[in-house]
Amino acid sequence: LRDRLLLARELLNETGSVFVQISDENVHLLRQLLDEVFGAENFVAQVNYRTMTPLGQRGMANVYDYVIWYAKCKSAMKFRPIFREQSLEDESEFRFFDNGGGTFKKIDKAGLENLPVSSRRYVFKRSDLRSSGYTPTCVFNFELNDKPVLSNGKKSWRTNSAGIERLKTANRLFFLGDAIYFRQYHSDFPLMNIENSWTDTAAGFSDPKTYVVQTHDKIIARCILMTTDPGDLVFDPTCGSGTTAHVSEKWGRRWITCDTSRVAVTLAKQRLMTASYDYYELKYPHEGLKGGFIYK
């Protein structure tokens, strides 16, 4: 494994990343090895992902494996965030409902669940109007509903005076007691960054494993989508069943894969030759593969 990691470090672009899948038995050893090869300063994340649903297991169920993520150079690393839907029910801060005309009411979880789907876009949370830092151009006093709002002189507002006027016009500012807040509607951006714990990756009856050591496509897809763009090159020195090549092809990435076992290479080749990809159409269907493809 050390030899493969050393080779990966040499082949990687300065913006590149390496991902290594490991079980909980040896994850601590792998971290030490990756620190040695890539440097502890280039550690990015340790992702735990669910591999199975425990059935009749004695003791504490071990249902997670790990993906260790290091960069060739963390400061130059390419990163593309992945988002997931943000559920209103799971976010306890979204508990205010806009009645219109500047009025609002506070609702509990039961009231939120009973809201019609069309009304959920009026649900918001309070967001502090003060910044965590200090910007001189954003320190000033203003009025809201004929009530003076004073700067404390220690923290600036999150926008300048022109921005405050736009927020007032859009009816985005409100008081809770003597404190002023910004209305952040759930519909403004109903997504959140994916975190380093993935619970939706266990193989089930709808997508069972074809091979014993096969990694779920979703795991590899997330790694690829976070660190590459279409046309980038993905290298997998442990071909196995060819999942990395399959996912790379599906998402428009170039790829190289290899293995010391001819059985693994043959299985991967068969899998790729018989797979279908939505992104490609035959240019001349009556001629078959020799006519080339149309890339969508």
C-alpha atoms as a PDB file:
ATOM      1  CA  LEU A   1       0.000   0.000   0.000  1.00  0.00           C
ATOM      2  CA  ARG A   2       2.884   2.370   0.723  1.00  0.00           C
ATOM      3  CA  ASP A   3       4.272   1.788  -2.768  1.00  0.00           C
ATOM      4  CA  ARG A   4       0.910   2.546  -4.353  1.00  0.00           C
ATOM      5  CA  LEU A   5       0.493   5.712  -2.291  1.00  0.00           C
ATOM      6  CA  LEU A   6       3.975   6.921  -3.209  1.00  0.00           C
ATOM      7  CA  LEU A   7       3.142   6.339  -6.872  1.00  0.00           C
ATOM      8  CA  ALA A   8      -0.192   8.151  -6.464  1.00  0.00           C
ATOM      9  CA  ARG A   9       1.543  11.146  -4.907  1.00  0.00           C
ATOM     10  CA  GLU A  10       3.947  11.393  -7.841  1.00  0.00           C
ATOM     11  CA  LEU A  11       1.192  11.048 -10.442  1.00  0.00           C
ATOM     12  CA  LEU A  12      -1.266  13.446  -8.822  1.00  0.00           C
ATOM     13  CA  ASN A  13      -1.789  16.950 -10.104  1.00  0.00           C
ATOM     14  CA  GLU A  14      -1.137  19.700  -7.542  1.00  0.00           C
ATOM     15  CA  THR A  15      -4.915  20.162  -7.308  1.00  0.00           C
ATOM     16  CA  GLY A  16      -5.558  16.424  -6.923  1.00  0.00           C
ATOM     17  CA  SER A  17      -6.770  14.259  -4.061  1.00  0.00           C
ATOM     18  CA  VAL A  18      -6.429  10.636  -2.998  1.00  0.00           C
ATOM     19  CA  PHE A  19      -9.148   8.547  -1.352  1.00  0.00           C
ATOM     20  CA  VAL A  20      -8.486   5.247   0.408  1.00  0.00           C
ATOM     21  CA  GLN A  21     -11.258   2.942   1.623  1.00  0.00           C
ATOM     22  CA  ILE A  22     -10.584   0.984   4.814  1.00  0.00           C
ATOM     23  CA  SER A  23     -12.427  -0.867   7.574  1.00  0.00           C
ATOM     24  CA  ASP A  24     -12.296   0.052  11.258  1.00  0.00           C
ATOM     25  CA  GLU A  25      -9.692  -2.652  11.967  1.00  0.00           C
ATOM     26  CA  ASN A  26      -6.831  -0.829  10.245  1.00  0.00           C
ATOM     27  CA  VAL A  27      -7.990   2.767   9.884  1.00  0.00           C
ATOM     28  CA  HIS A  28      -5.498   3.993  12.494  1.00  0.00           C
ATOM     29  CA  LEU A  29      -2.604   2.333  10.657  1.00  0.00           C
ATOM     30  CA  LEU A  30      -3.676   3.840   7.364  1.00  0.00           C
ATOM     31  CA  ARG A  31      -3.815   7.336   8.851  1.00  0.00           C
ATOM     32  CA  GLN A  32      -0.213   6.978  10.000  1.00  0.00           C
ATOM     33  CA  LEU A  33       0.868   5.743   6.579  1.00  0.00           C
ATOM     34  CA  LEU A  34      -0.907   8.565   4.763  1.00  0.00           C
ATOM     35  CA  ASP A  35       0.608  11.121   7.141  1.00  0.00           C
ATOM     36  CA  GLU A  36       4.021   9.697   6.268  1.00  0.00           C
ATOM     37  CA  VAL A  37       3.484   9.794   2.489  1.00  0.00           C
ATOM     38  CA  PHE A  38       1.355  12.925   2.004  1.00  0.00           C
ATOM     39  CA  GLY A  39       2.076  14.858   5.201  1.00  0.00           C
ATOM     40  CA  ALA A  40      -0.317  15.414   8.107  1.00  0.00           C
ATOM     41  CA  GLU A  41      -0.920  18.974   6.898  1.00  0.00           C
ATOM     42  CA  ASN A  42      -2.616  17.595   3.763  1.00  0.00           C
ATOM     43  CA  PHE A  43      -5.248  15.586   5.612  1.00  0.00           C
ATOM     44  CA  VAL A  44      -8.713  16.722   4.456  1.00  0.00           C
ATOM     45  CA  ALA A  45     -11.362  14.473   6.006  1.00  0.00           C
ATOM     46  CA  GLN A  46     -12.229  11.048   7.347  1.00  0.00           C
ATOM     47  CA  VAL A  47     -15.616   9.946   6.052  1.00  0.00           C
ATOM     48  CA  ASN A  48     -17.543   7.155   7.729  1.00  0.00           C
ATOM     49  CA  TYR A  49     -20.163   5.512   5.534  1.00  0.00           C
ATOM     50  CA  ARG A  50     -22.783   2.877   6.294  1.00  0.00           C
ATOM     51  CA  THR A  51     -22.158  -0.505   4.698  1.00  0.00           C
ATOM     52  CA  MET A  52     -24.965  -2.673   6.071  1.00  0.00           C
ATOM     53  CA  THR A  53     -28.006  -2.916   8.296  1.00  0.00           C
ATOM     54  CA  PRO A  54     -27.305  -5.018  11.427  1.00  0.00           C
ATOM     55  CA  LEU A  55     -29.513  -8.083  11.806  1.00  0.00           C
ATOM     56  CA  GLY A  56     -29.182 -10.134  14.966  1.00  0.00           C
ATOM     57  CA  GLN A  57     -25.645  -8.967  15.723  1.00  0.00           C
ATOM     58  CA  ARG A  58     -24.368  -9.483  19.247  1.00  0.00           C
ATOM     59  CA  GLY A  59     -22.760  -6.564  21.041  1.00  0.00           C
ATOM     60  CA  MET A  60     -22.301  -3.186  19.399  1.00  0.00           C
ATOM     61  CA  ALA A  61     -22.983  -3.320  15.675  1.00  0.00           C
ATOM     62  CA  ASN A  62     -20.093  -2.265  13.430  1.00  0.00           C
ATOM     63  CA  VAL A  63     -21.863  -1.056  10.311  1.00  0.00           C
ATOM     64  CA  TYR A  64     -19.474   1.663   9.094  1.00  0.00           C
ATOM     65  CA  ASP A  65     -16.350   1.656   6.965  1.00  0.00           C
ATOM     66  CA  TYR A  66     -14.152   4.659   6.233  1.00  0.00           C
ATOM     67  CA  VAL A  67     -12.811   6.721   3.360  1.00  0.00           C
ATOM     68  CA  ILE A  68      -9.651   8.648   4.183  1.00  0.00           C
ATOM     69  CA  TRP A  69      -9.144  11.788   2.090  1.00  0.00           C
ATOM     70  CA  TYR A  70      -5.771  13.477   1.578  1.00  0.00           C
ATOM     71  CA  ALA A  71      -4.728  16.165  -0.893  1.00  0.00           C
ATOM     72  CA  LYS A  72      -1.495  16.424  -2.849  1.00  0.00           C
ATOM     73  CA  CYS A  73      -1.392  20.067  -1.696  1.00  0.00           C
ATOM     74  CA  LYS A  74      -4.308  21.102   0.509  1.00  0.00           C
ATOM     75  CA  SER A  75      -3.946  24.820  -0.254  1.00  0.00           C
ATOM     76  CA  ALA A  76      -4.258  24.142  -4.011  1.00  0.00           C
ATOM     77  CA  MET A  77      -6.793  21.290  -3.791  1.00  0.00           C
ATOM     78  CA  LYS A  78      -9.763  21.336  -6.153  1.00  0.00           C
ATOM     79  CA  PHE A  79     -13.014  21.091  -4.219  1.00  0.00           C
ATOM     80  CA  ARG A  80     -16.583  21.164  -5.505  1.00  0.00           C
ATOM     81  CA  PRO A  81     -19.167  21.118  -2.663  1.00  0.00           C
ATOM     82  CA  ILE A  82     -21.993  18.591  -2.763  1.00  0.00           C
ATOM     83  CA  PHE A  83     -25.347  19.550  -1.301  1.00  0.00           C
ATOM     84  CA  ARG A  84     -28.250  17.612   0.130  1.00  0.00           C
ATOM     85  CA  GLU A  85     -31.804  18.697   0.805  1.00  0.00           C
ATOM     86  CA  GLN A  86     -32.363  20.426   4.111  1.00  0.00           C
ATOM     87  CA  SER A  87     -35.469  19.060   5.798  1.00  0.00           C
ATOM     88  CA  LEU A  88     -37.615  21.590   7.613  1.00  0.00           C
ATOM     89  CA  GLU A  89     -38.584  19.018  10.246  1.00  0.00           C
ATOM     90  CA  ASP A  90     -34.946  18.298  11.068  1.00  0.00           C
ATOM     91  CA  GLU A  91     -33.952  21.964  11.400  1.00  0.00           C
ATOM     92  CA  SER A  92     -35.208  23.233  14.751  1.00  0.00           C
ATOM     93  CA  GLU A  93     -34.391  26.891  13.982  1.00  0.00           C
ATOM     94  CA  PHE A  94     -36.979  27.226  11.191  1.00  0.00           C
ATOM     95  CA  ARG A  95     -39.905  27.911  13.486  1.00  0.00           C
ATOM     96  CA  PHE A  96     -41.336  31.239  12.302  1.00  0.00           C
ATOM     97  CA  PHE A  97     -44.160  31.660   9.797  1.00  0.00           C
ATOM     98  CA  ASP A  98     -44.656  34.836   7.759  1.00  0.00           C
ATOM     99  CA  ASN A  99     -48.299  35.907   7.872  1.00  0.00           C
ATOM    100  CA  GLY A 100     -47.694  38.702   5.377  1.00  0.00           C
ATOM    101  CA  GLY A 101     -47.688  42.444   5.885  1.00  0.00           C
ATOM    102  CA  GLY A 102     -44.710  42.272   8.226  1.00  0.00           C
ATOM    103  CA  THR A 103     -46.406  40.070  10.844  1.00  0.00           C
ATOM    104  CA  PHE A 104     -45.297  36.582  11.803  1.00  0.00           C
ATOM    105  CA  LYS A 105     -45.980  33.876  14.332  1.00  0.00           C
ATOM    106  CA  LYS A 106     -43.942  31.151  15.959  1.00  0.00           C
ATOM    107  CA  ILE A 107     -44.930  27.556  15.196  1.00  0.00           C
ATOM    108  CA  ASP A 108     -43.934  24.256  16.766  1.00  0.00           C
ATOM    109  CA  LYS A 109     -42.997  21.047  14.993  1.00  0.00           C
ATOM    110  CA  ALA A 110     -46.602  19.822  14.897  1.00  0.00           C
ATOM    111  CA  GLY A 111     -47.741  23.085  13.329  1.00  0.00           C
ATOM    112  CA  LEU A 112     -44.955  22.845  10.785  1.00  0.00           C
ATOM    113  CA  GLU A 113     -45.980  19.324   9.782  1.00  0.00           C
ATOM    114  CA  ASN A 114     -49.583  20.469   9.241  1.00  0.00           C
ATOM    115  CA  LEU A 115     -48.605  23.332   6.944  1.00  0.00           C
ATOM    116  CA  PRO A 116     -49.622  22.888   3.278  1.00  0.00           C
ATOM    117  CA  VAL A 117     -46.691  22.366   0.940  1.00  0.00           C
ATOM    118  CA  SER A 118     -47.455  25.641  -0.825  1.00  0.00           C
ATOM    119  CA  SER A 119     -47.127  27.553   2.471  1.00  0.00           C
ATOM    120  CA  ARG A 120     -43.768  26.143   3.500  1.00  0.00           C
ATOM    121  CA  ARG A 121     -41.929  28.772   1.503  1.00  0.00           C
ATOM    122  CA  TYR A 122     -43.064  31.314   4.122  1.00  0.00           C
ATOM    123  CA  VAL A 123     -41.235  29.509   6.943  1.00  0.00           C
ATOM    124  CA  PHE A 124     -38.110  31.303   8.118  1.00  0.00           C
ATOM    125  CA  LYS A 125     -35.578  31.405  10.903  1.00  0.00           C
ATOM    126  CA  ARG A 126     -33.997  34.351  12.651  1.00  0.00           C
ATOM    127  CA  SER A 127     -30.455  35.116  11.581  1.00  0.00           C
ATOM    128  CA  ASP A 128     -28.216  37.540  13.430  1.00  0.00           C
ATOM    129  CA  LEU A 129     -27.817  40.820  11.555  1.00  0.00           C
ATOM    130  CA  ARG A 130     -24.494  41.515  13.253  1.00  0.00           C
ATOM    131  CA  SER A 131     -21.308  40.241  11.676  1.00  0.00           C
ATOM    132  CA  SER A 132     -18.731  38.133  13.491  1.00  0.00           C
ATOM    133  CA  GLY A 133     -16.051  40.618  12.407  1.00  0.00           C
ATOM    134  CA  TYR A 134     -15.663  44.371  12.115  1.00  0.00           C
ATOM    135  CA  THR A 135     -15.972  46.375   8.880  1.00  0.00           C
ATOM    136  CA  PRO A 136     -15.888  50.172   9.329  1.00  0.00           C
ATOM    137  CA  THR A 137     -18.251  50.829   6.377  1.00  0.00           C
ATOM    138  CA  CYS A 138     -20.885  48.606   8.011  1.00  0.00           C
ATOM    139  CA  VAL A 139     -21.008  50.456  11.331  1.00  0.00           C
ATOM    140  CA  PHE A 140     -23.899  52.932  11.513  1.00  0.00           C
ATOM    141  CA  ASN A 141     -27.278  53.589  13.139  1.00  0.00           C
ATOM    142  CA  PHE A 142     -30.617  53.274  11.351  1.00  0.00           C
ATOM    143  CA  GLU A 143     -34.360  53.059  11.974  1.00  0.00           C
ATOM    144  CA  LEU A 144     -36.835  50.230  11.499  1.00  0.00           C
ATOM    145  CA  ASN A 145     -40.572  50.839  11.958  1.00  0.00           C
ATOM    146  CA  ASP A 146     -39.780  54.226  13.548  1.00  0.00           C
ATOM    147  CA  LYS A 147     -37.615  52.489  16.133  1.00  0.00           C
ATOM    148  CA  PRO A 148     -33.899  53.389  16.306  1.00  0.00           C
ATOM    149  CA  VAL A 149     -31.388  50.576  15.821  1.00  0.00           C
ATOM    150  CA  LEU A 150     -28.022  51.422  17.303  1.00  0.00           C
ATOM    151  CA  SER A 151     -24.662  49.914  16.484  1.00  0.00           C
ATOM    152  CA  ASN A 152     -22.782  48.736  19.560  1.00  0.00           C
ATOM    153  CA  GLY A 153     -19.466  49.843  18.034  1.00  0.00           C
ATOM    154  CA  LYS A 154     -17.870  46.408  18.614  1.00  0.00           C
ATOM    155  CA  LYS A 155     -19.415  44.456  15.746  1.00  0.00           C
ATOM    156  CA  SER A 156     -20.491  45.703  12.342  1.00  0.00           C
ATOM    157  CA  TRP A 157     -23.663  44.821  10.471  1.00  0.00           C
ATOM    158  CA  ARG A 158     -23.513  42.087   7.840  1.00  0.00           C
ATOM    159  CA  THR A 159     -24.141  44.638   5.072  1.00  0.00           C
ATOM    160  CA  ASN A 160     -23.695  48.345   4.379  1.00  0.00           C
ATOM    161  CA  SER A 161     -26.339  51.079   4.570  1.00  0.00           C
ATOM    162  CA  ALA A 162     -27.557  50.454   1.003  1.00  0.00           C
ATOM    163  CA  GLY A 163     -27.961  46.770   1.817  1.00  0.00           C
ATOM    164  CA  ILE A 164     -29.942  47.585   4.956  1.00  0.00           C
ATOM    165  CA  GLU A 165     -32.319  49.722   2.898  1.00  0.00           C
ATOM    166  CA  ARG A 166     -32.867  46.846   0.458  1.00  0.00           C
ATOM    167  CA  LEU A 167     -33.575  44.491   3.366  1.00  0.00           C
ATOM    168  CA  LYS A 168     -36.091  46.963   4.794  1.00  0.00           C
ATOM    169  CA  THR A 169     -37.803  47.286   1.416  1.00  0.00           C
ATOM    170  CA  ALA A 170     -37.970  43.491   1.089  1.00  0.00           C
ATOM    171  CA  ASN A 171     -39.393  43.228   4.619  1.00  0.00           C
ATOM    172  CA  ARG A 172     -36.521  40.993   5.725  1.00  0.00           C
ATOM    173  CA  LEU A 173     -35.783  42.677   9.073  1.00  0.00           C
ATOM    174  CA  PHE A 174     -37.750  42.189  12.297  1.00  0.00           C
ATOM    175  CA  PHE A 175     -37.499  42.618  16.035  1.00  0.00           C
ATOM    176  CA  LEU A 176     -37.604  39.966  18.713  1.00  0.00           C
ATOM    177  CA  GLY A 177     -37.729  41.961  21.896  1.00  0.00           C
ATOM    178  CA  ASP A 178     -35.112  44.675  21.502  1.00  0.00           C
ATOM    179  CA  ALA A 179     -32.868  42.585  19.237  1.00  0.00           C
ATOM    180  CA  ILE A 180     -33.004  42.899  15.452  1.00  0.00           C
ATOM    181  CA  TYR A 181     -32.738  39.906  13.134  1.00  0.00           C
ATOM    182  CA  PHE A 182     -32.725  39.005   9.458  1.00  0.00           C
ATOM    183  CA  ARG A 183     -35.440  36.733   8.044  1.00  0.00           C
ATOM    184  CA  GLN A 184     -33.797  33.740   6.378  1.00  0.00           C
ATOM    185  CA  TYR A 185     -36.474  31.760   4.554  1.00  0.00           C
ATOM    186  CA  HIS A 186     -36.022  28.057   4.053  1.00  0.00           C
ATOM    187  CA  SER A 187     -36.869  28.547   0.375  1.00  0.00           C
ATOM    188  CA  ASP A 188     -33.903  30.955  -0.025  1.00  0.00           C
ATOM    189  CA  PHE A 189     -31.562  27.973  -0.147  1.00  0.00           C
ATOM    190  CA  PRO A 190     -33.179  24.666   0.913  1.00  0.00           C
ATOM    191  CA  LEU A 191     -29.878  22.781   0.776  1.00  0.00           C
ATOM    192  CA  MET A 192     -26.897  22.157   3.029  1.00  0.00           C
ATOM    193  CA  ASN A 193     -23.363  20.906   2.509  1.00  0.00           C
ATOM    194  CA  ILE A 194     -22.925  17.172   2.757  1.00  0.00           C
ATOM    195  CA  GLU A 195     -21.127  16.136   5.947  1.00  0.00           C
ATOM    196  CA  ASN A 196     -18.509  13.470   6.646  1.00  0.00           C
ATOM    197  CA  SER A 197     -21.011  10.866   7.864  1.00  0.00           C
ATOM    198  CA  TRP A 198     -22.955   9.105   5.090  1.00  0.00           C
ATOM    199  CA  THR A 199     -25.855   6.970   6.286  1.00  0.00           C
ATOM    200  CA  ASP A 200     -27.518   6.386   2.897  1.00  0.00           C
ATOM    201  CA  THR A 201     -24.841   4.141   1.367  1.00  0.00           C
ATOM    202  CA  ALA A 202     -25.767   0.679   2.662  1.00  0.00           C
ATOM    203  CA  ALA A 203     -26.419  -1.871  -0.081  1.00  0.00           C
ATOM    204  CA  GLY A 204     -30.049  -2.940  -0.035  1.00  0.00           C
ATOM    205  CA  PHE A 205     -32.419  -5.145  -1.946  1.00  0.00           C
ATOM    206  CA  SER A 206     -32.825  -2.472  -4.634  1.00  0.00           C
ATOM    207  CA  ASP A 207     -29.070  -2.248  -5.341  1.00  0.00           C
ATOM    208  CA  PRO A 208     -27.395  -5.444  -4.055  1.00  0.00           C
ATOM    209  CA  LYS A 209     -23.654  -6.032  -4.429  1.00  0.00           C
ATOM    210  CA  THR A 210     -22.508  -7.981  -7.472  1.00  0.00           C
ATOM    211  CA  TYR A 211     -19.053  -8.618  -5.978  1.00  0.00           C
ATOM    212  CA  VAL A 212     -18.050  -9.252  -2.370  1.00  0.00           C
ATOM    213  CA  VAL A 213     -15.614  -6.308  -2.141  1.00  0.00           C
ATOM    214  CA  GLN A 214     -17.644  -3.972  -4.338  1.00  0.00           C
ATOM    215  CA  THR A 215     -17.967  -0.375  -3.120  1.00  0.00           C
ATOM    216  CA  HIS A 216     -21.309   1.370  -3.502  1.00  0.00           C
ATOM    217  CA  ASP A 217     -21.379   3.577  -6.616  1.00  0.00           C
ATOM    218  CA  LYS A 218     -22.699   6.482  -4.536  1.00  0.00           C
ATOM    219  CA  ILE A 219     -19.555   6.585  -2.382  1.00  0.00           C
ATOM    220  CA  ILE A 220     -17.165   6.740  -5.318  1.00  0.00           C
ATOM    221  CA  ALA A 221     -19.402   9.199  -7.179  1.00  0.00           C
ATOM    222  CA  ARG A 222     -19.304  11.631  -4.259  1.00  0.00           C
ATOM    223  CA  CYS A 223     -15.518  11.436  -4.041  1.00  0.00           C
ATOM    224  CA  ILE A 224     -15.201  12.076  -7.776  1.00  0.00           C
ATOM    225  CA  LEU A 225     -17.764  14.889  -7.884  1.00  0.00           C
ATOM    226  CA  MET A 226     -16.168  16.698  -4.931  1.00  0.00           C
ATOM    227  CA  THR A 227     -12.660  16.766  -6.406  1.00  0.00           C
ATOM    228  CA  THR A 228     -12.889  16.674 -10.215  1.00  0.00           C
ATOM    229  CA  ASP A 229     -14.552  18.387 -13.157  1.00  0.00           C
ATOM    230  CA  PRO A 230     -15.805  16.743 -16.367  1.00  0.00           C
ATOM    231  CA  GLY A 231     -12.802  15.755 -18.461  1.00  0.00           C
ATOM    232  CA  ASP A 232     -10.450  15.370 -15.481  1.00  0.00           C
ATOM    233  CA  LEU A 233      -8.476  12.157 -15.135  1.00  0.00           C
ATOM    234  CA  VAL A 234      -9.254   9.619 -12.388  1.00  0.00           C
ATOM    235  CA  PHE A 235      -6.740   6.857 -11.597  1.00  0.00           C
ATOM    236  CA  ASP A 236      -7.572   3.700  -9.627  1.00  0.00           C
ATOM    237  CA  PRO A 237      -4.583   1.392  -9.016  1.00  0.00           C
ATOM    238  CA  THR A 238      -6.867  -1.256  -7.462  1.00  0.00           C
ATOM    239  CA  CYS A 239      -9.303  -2.015 -10.258  1.00  0.00           C
ATOM    240  CA  GLY A 240     -11.302  -4.750  -8.523  1.00  0.00           C
ATOM    241  CA  SER A 241     -14.694  -4.964 -10.199  1.00  0.00           C
ATOM    242  CA  GLY A 242     -14.183  -1.685 -12.066  1.00  0.00           C
ATOM    243  CA  THR A 243     -16.558   0.473 -10.037  1.00  0.00           C
ATOM    244  CA  THR A 244     -14.301   3.559 -10.179  1.00  0.00           C
ATOM    245  CA  ALA A 245     -13.976   3.306 -13.963  1.00  0.00           C
ATOM    246  CA  HIS A 246     -17.724   2.706 -14.295  1.00  0.00           C
ATOM    247  CA  VAL A 247     -18.628   5.758 -12.174  1.00  0.00           C
ATOM    248  CA  SER A 248     -15.988   7.933 -13.877  1.00  0.00           C
ATOM    249  CA  GLU A 249     -17.379   7.052 -17.298  1.00  0.00           C
ATOM    250  CA  LYS A 250     -20.899   7.769 -16.106  1.00  0.00           C
ATOM    251  CA  TRP A 251     -19.959  11.283 -14.933  1.00  0.00           C
ATOM    252  CA  GLY A 252     -17.866  12.235 -17.942  1.00  0.00           C
ATOM    253  CA  ARG A 253     -14.418  11.822 -16.384  1.00  0.00           C
ATOM    254  CA  ARG A 254     -11.464  10.247 -18.120  1.00  0.00           C
ATOM    255  CA  TRP A 255     -10.052   7.278 -16.238  1.00  0.00           C
ATOM    256  CA  ILE A 256      -7.204   4.789 -15.945  1.00  0.00           C
ATOM    257  CA  THR A 257      -7.406   1.618 -13.879  1.00  0.00           C
ATOM    258  CA  CYS A 258      -5.159  -1.393 -13.405  1.00  0.00           C
ATOM    259  CA  ASP A 259      -4.833  -4.514 -11.291  1.00  0.00           C
ATOM    260  CA  THR A 260      -2.346  -7.329 -10.706  1.00  0.00           C
ATOM    261  CA  SER A 261      -5.119  -9.890 -11.219  1.00  0.00           C
ATOM    262  CA  ARG A 262      -6.200 -10.772 -14.754  1.00  0.00           C
ATOM    263  CA  VAL A 263      -9.518 -11.960 -13.307  1.00  0.00           C
ATOM    264  CA  ALA A 264     -10.278  -8.493 -11.924  1.00  0.00           C
ATOM    265  CA  VAL A 265      -9.325  -6.791 -15.194  1.00  0.00           C
ATOM    266  CA  THR A 266     -11.494  -9.223 -17.173  1.00  0.00           C
ATOM    267  CA  LEU A 267     -14.484  -8.686 -14.872  1.00  0.00           C
ATOM    268  CA  ALA A 268     -14.080  -4.901 -15.081  1.00  0.00           C
ATOM    269  CA  LYS A 269     -13.766  -5.028 -18.866  1.00  0.00           C
ATOM    270  CA  GLN A 270     -16.939  -7.098 -19.181  1.00  0.00           C
ATOM    271  CA  ARG A 271     -18.792  -4.748 -16.838  1.00  0.00           C
ATOM    272  CA  LEU A 272     -17.768  -1.656 -18.785  1.00  0.00           C
ATOM    273  CA  MET A 273     -18.478  -3.219 -22.179  1.00  0.00           C
ATOM    274  CA  THR A 274     -22.012  -4.197 -21.188  1.00  0.00           C
ATOM    275  CA  ALA A 275     -22.902  -1.039 -19.232  1.00  0.00           C
ATOM    276  CA  SER A 276     -25.084   1.711 -20.655  1.00  0.00           C
ATOM    277  CA  TYR A 277     -24.508   5.397 -20.021  1.00  0.00           C
ATOM    278  CA  ASP A 278     -27.163   8.066 -20.352  1.00  0.00           C
ATOM    279  CA  TYR A 279     -24.629  10.619 -21.540  1.00  0.00           C
ATOM    280  CA  TYR A 280     -23.857   8.845 -24.813  1.00  0.00           C
ATOM    281  CA  GLU A 281     -25.860   8.060 -27.926  1.00  0.00           C
ATOM    282  CA  LEU A 282     -24.687   6.273 -31.051  1.00  0.00           C
ATOM    283  CA  LYS A 283     -24.027   8.734 -33.848  1.00  0.00           C
ATOM    284  CA  TYR A 284     -25.223   6.241 -36.472  1.00  0.00           C
ATOM    285  CA  PRO A 285     -27.294   3.537 -34.687  1.00  0.00           C
ATOM    286  CA  HIS A 286     -27.517   1.353 -37.821  1.00  0.00           C
ATOM    287  CA  GLU A 287     -23.698   1.130 -37.922  1.00  0.00           C
ATOM    288  CA  GLY A 288     -23.292   0.163 -34.254  1.00  0.00           C
ATOM    289  CA  LEU A 289     -20.243   1.141 -32.196  1.00  0.00           C
ATOM    290  CA  LYS A 290     -17.995   1.780 -35.204  1.00  0.00           C
ATOM    291  CA  GLY A 291     -20.103   4.830 -36.093  1.00  0.00           C
ATOM    292  CA  GLY A 292     -19.002   6.637 -32.925  1.00  0.00           C
ATOM    293  CA  PHE A 293     -20.953   8.447 -30.219  1.00  0.00           C
ATOM    294  CA  ILE A 294     -22.810  11.701 -29.691  1.00  0.00           C
ATOM    295  CA  TYR A 295     -21.810  13.188 -26.345  1.00  0.00           C
ATOM    296  CA  LYS A 296     -24.730  14.850 -24.521  1.00  0.00           C
END
